[in-house]
Protein backbone atom coordinates (compact mmCIF):
# COMPACT_ATOMS: atom_id res chain seq x y z
CA MET A 1 -7.03 -50.30 -1.43
CA ARG A 2 -9.12 -47.29 -0.41
CA VAL A 3 -10.51 -44.97 2.35
CA ILE A 4 -14.07 -46.49 2.94
CA ALA A 5 -15.61 -43.38 4.82
CA GLY A 6 -15.26 -39.73 5.86
CA GLN A 7 -13.46 -36.59 4.43
CA PHE A 8 -11.13 -38.91 2.05
CA ARG A 9 -13.98 -41.55 1.41
CA GLY A 10 -12.90 -43.40 -2.49
CA ARG A 11 -9.05 -41.78 -2.52
CA ARG A 12 -7.02 -44.54 -3.62
CA LEU A 13 -4.14 -45.56 -1.29
CA ARG A 14 -0.65 -46.55 -2.62
CA ALA A 15 0.09 -50.66 -1.61
CA PRO A 16 2.85 -52.12 -1.72
CA ASP A 17 4.49 -54.96 -4.66
CA ASP A 18 5.81 -56.72 -1.84
CA ARG A 19 3.74 -59.66 -1.02
CA ALA A 20 6.16 -59.92 2.62
CA VAL A 21 3.85 -56.51 3.40
CA ARG A 22 0.40 -57.05 4.56
CA PRO A 23 -1.95 -54.26 4.61
CA THR A 24 -4.97 -54.37 6.49
CA SER A 25 -7.94 -55.49 3.87
CA ASP A 26 -10.77 -52.79 3.18
CA ARG A 27 -13.11 -55.35 4.78
CA LEU A 28 -11.34 -55.62 8.25
CA ARG A 29 -10.98 -51.54 7.77
CA GLU A 30 -14.63 -51.32 7.48
CA THR A 31 -15.32 -54.10 10.24
CA LEU A 32 -12.89 -51.96 12.64
CA PHE A 33 -14.38 -48.49 11.98
CA ASN A 34 -18.01 -50.14 12.12
CA ILE A 35 -17.57 -50.97 15.66
CA LEU A 36 -15.02 -48.23 16.36
CA SER A 37 -18.22 -45.68 15.85
CA HIS A 38 -20.46 -47.43 17.73
CA SER A 39 -18.17 -48.24 20.90
CA GLN A 40 -19.62 -45.62 23.90
CA GLN A 41 -16.09 -44.22 24.35
CA PRO A 42 -13.57 -43.20 23.11
CA SER A 43 -15.29 -41.20 20.18
CA LEU A 44 -13.01 -41.47 17.24
CA VAL A 45 -14.11 -37.97 16.25
CA GLY A 46 -11.63 -35.65 17.81
CA ALA A 47 -9.12 -38.56 19.60
CA HIS A 48 -5.08 -38.93 19.42
CA MET A 49 -4.80 -42.16 17.80
CA ALA A 50 -1.70 -43.73 17.21
CA ASP A 51 -1.52 -46.59 14.28
CA LEU A 52 1.66 -49.21 15.18
CA PHE A 53 3.35 -50.98 12.73
CA ALA A 54 1.51 -48.69 10.63
CA GLY A 55 2.57 -50.00 6.84
CA THR A 56 0.94 -47.97 4.25
CA GLY A 57 -1.07 -46.11 6.70
CA ALA A 58 -4.14 -47.18 5.68
CA VAL A 59 -5.81 -47.65 9.53
CA GLY A 60 -4.90 -44.06 10.48
CA ILE A 61 -5.41 -42.76 7.64
CA GLU A 62 -9.19 -43.80 7.83
CA ALA A 63 -9.13 -42.82 11.10
CA LEU A 64 -8.10 -39.23 9.93
CA SER A 65 -10.41 -39.40 7.24
CA ARG A 66 -13.22 -39.72 9.81
CA GLY A 67 -12.61 -37.37 12.33
CA ALA A 68 -9.40 -38.13 14.52
CA ARG A 69 -7.73 -34.97 15.95
CA HIS A 70 -4.07 -36.79 14.69
CA VAL A 71 -2.62 -39.81 14.31
CA THR A 72 0.85 -41.03 15.17
CA PHE A 73 1.92 -43.45 12.73
CA VAL A 74 5.10 -46.07 13.90
CA GLU A 75 6.64 -47.70 11.33
CA LYS A 76 10.25 -49.20 10.59
CA ALA A 77 10.68 -50.90 7.74
CA PRO A 78 12.03 -48.13 4.84
CA LYS A 79 9.91 -49.37 1.72
CA SER A 80 6.51 -49.23 4.21
CA LEU A 81 7.80 -45.44 5.15
CA SER A 82 7.69 -44.52 2.02
CA LEU A 83 4.66 -45.80 1.09
CA LEU A 84 3.20 -44.25 4.12
CA LYS A 85 4.41 -40.93 3.84
CA GLY A 86 3.15 -40.94 0.28
CA ASN A 87 -0.28 -41.89 1.41
CA ILE A 88 -0.33 -38.85 3.98
CA ALA A 89 1.10 -36.42 1.63
CA THR A 90 -1.86 -37.61 -1.61
CA MET A 91 -4.52 -37.04 1.29
CA LYS A 92 -2.79 -33.34 2.54
CA ALA A 93 -3.08 -34.53 6.01
CA GLU A 94 0.47 -33.87 6.95
CA ASP A 95 -0.95 -31.69 9.61
CA LYS A 96 -2.52 -33.70 11.40
CA ALA A 97 0.11 -36.67 11.57
CA ILE A 98 3.28 -37.48 12.77
CA VAL A 99 5.10 -40.48 11.49
CA LEU A 100 8.11 -42.25 13.64
CA ALA A 101 10.62 -44.38 11.79
CA LYS A 102 10.54 -46.51 15.38
CA ASP A 103 10.56 -50.33 16.32
CA ALA A 104 6.81 -50.58 17.51
CA THR A 105 8.40 -52.65 20.31
CA ARG A 106 10.44 -50.44 21.90
CA LEU A 107 8.47 -46.89 21.45
CA PRO A 108 10.29 -44.03 22.87
CA ALA A 109 8.37 -41.19 25.35
CA PRO A 110 5.13 -40.19 23.42
CA ALA A 111 5.08 -36.05 21.72
CA LEU A 112 4.09 -34.24 24.38
CA GLU A 113 2.20 -31.67 22.31
CA HIS A 114 -0.34 -34.34 21.19
CA GLY A 115 -0.51 -36.05 24.59
CA PRO A 116 -1.30 -39.73 25.13
CA VAL A 117 -3.55 -41.95 22.64
CA GLU A 118 -7.06 -42.55 23.71
CA ILE A 119 -6.86 -44.87 20.96
CA ALA A 120 -3.81 -47.14 19.18
CA PHE A 121 -4.10 -49.68 16.50
CA LEU A 122 -1.57 -52.42 16.12
CA ASP A 123 -1.07 -54.79 13.30
CA PRO A 124 2.17 -56.63 13.59
CA PRO A 125 3.53 -59.20 11.30
CA TYR A 126 1.79 -62.69 12.08
CA HIS A 127 3.07 -65.60 14.12
CA LYS A 128 6.63 -63.20 15.56
CA GLY A 129 4.95 -62.09 19.39
CA LEU A 130 4.96 -58.58 18.47
CA ALA A 131 2.10 -58.01 19.65
CA ASP A 132 2.70 -58.49 23.25
CA LEU A 133 5.39 -56.66 22.93
CA ALA A 134 4.05 -53.54 21.43
CA LEU A 135 1.34 -53.44 24.00
CA SER A 136 3.87 -53.34 26.90
CA SER A 137 5.71 -51.25 24.99
CA LEU A 138 2.18 -48.99 24.62
CA ARG A 139 1.92 -49.19 28.54
CA ASP A 140 5.32 -48.65 30.21
CA LYS A 141 6.01 -45.72 27.92
CA GLY A 142 3.28 -43.96 28.78
CA TRP A 143 1.60 -43.51 25.24
CA LEU A 144 -2.21 -44.53 26.59
CA ALA A 145 -4.49 -42.39 28.44
CA PRO A 146 -6.17 -43.88 31.20
CA ASN A 147 -9.29 -46.15 29.42
CA ALA A 148 -7.94 -45.65 26.62
CA LEU A 149 -9.30 -48.39 23.44
CA VAL A 150 -6.45 -50.88 22.07
CA VAL A 151 -7.23 -52.75 18.75
CA ALA A 152 -4.79 -55.50 17.85
CA GLU A 153 -5.06 -56.98 14.52
CA THR A 154 -3.36 -60.67 14.89
CA ALA A 155 -3.31 -64.08 12.86
CA ARG A 156 -6.96 -65.99 13.75
CA ASP A 157 -4.76 -68.89 15.47
CA GLU A 158 -2.46 -66.51 17.38
CA THR A 159 -3.28 -65.62 21.34
CA LEU A 160 -2.81 -62.46 23.34
CA SER A 161 -1.29 -62.59 27.15
CA LEU A 162 -3.29 -59.84 27.63
CA SER A 163 -0.44 -58.30 30.42
CA LYS A 164 -0.88 -56.17 33.31
CA GLY A 165 -3.03 -53.44 32.67
CA PHE A 166 -5.05 -54.62 30.10
CA ASP A 167 -8.74 -55.95 29.75
CA LEU A 168 -10.16 -57.68 27.20
CA LEU A 169 -13.44 -56.36 25.98
CA ASP A 170 -14.36 -58.32 22.83
CA GLN A 171 -12.33 -60.22 19.85
CA ARG A 172 -13.67 -60.85 16.01
CA GLN A 173 -12.81 -63.25 13.84
CA MET A 174 -12.67 -62.62 9.96
CA ALA A 175 -11.01 -64.74 7.73
CA ASP A 176 -7.61 -65.18 8.59
CA SER A 177 -7.54 -62.49 11.22
CA ARG A 178 -8.20 -61.39 14.68
CA LEU A 179 -9.30 -58.15 16.18
CA TRP A 180 -8.31 -57.92 19.67
CA PHE A 181 -10.24 -54.69 21.68
CA LEU A 182 -8.83 -54.17 24.94
CA ARG A 183 -9.26 -51.17 27.34
CA PHE A 184 -6.11 -50.04 29.03
CA THR A 185 -6.44 -49.28 33.15
CA PRO A 186 -2.62 -47.41 34.27
CA LEU A 187 -1.42 -49.82 36.88
CA SER A 188 -1.44 -48.33 40.25
């Protein structure tokens, strides 16, 4: 795995030996960031982003490389946390990142110094129903700015229930994965 573009372009990321961990592929990340770079808003440059079920941190580190102001990484698996922290340190990006050793389906209140996120990415284990739970947690705990863009990666054959406050903008399928692009509208 490598960083595809930006400040850290070409730098290698440590990957897990464990096949139970499924990092987002270089190709899927490239597709994701091509779409983000052409979206009207929010802009990735200067954005506060959340990377849930962060694993190795490949998506959040790619965002930092391409100009995100800050990334909050959420991961609970001890092996993944070690890789994640090591990858952030390798990029010397500790000042632009915070790592929360938490369950992404039970988020704490967001850190006030960085405010709500404009972009959130979540890549839960496939076929466990965790994406919908994480979306609800993002909404209910106040992590999302109005009109935030949320991208969920699921297995190609999985569906999202699109809980209240989320509108489907687009979806893309690649190999055995699906990317869901959602807009958050605060509940009134």
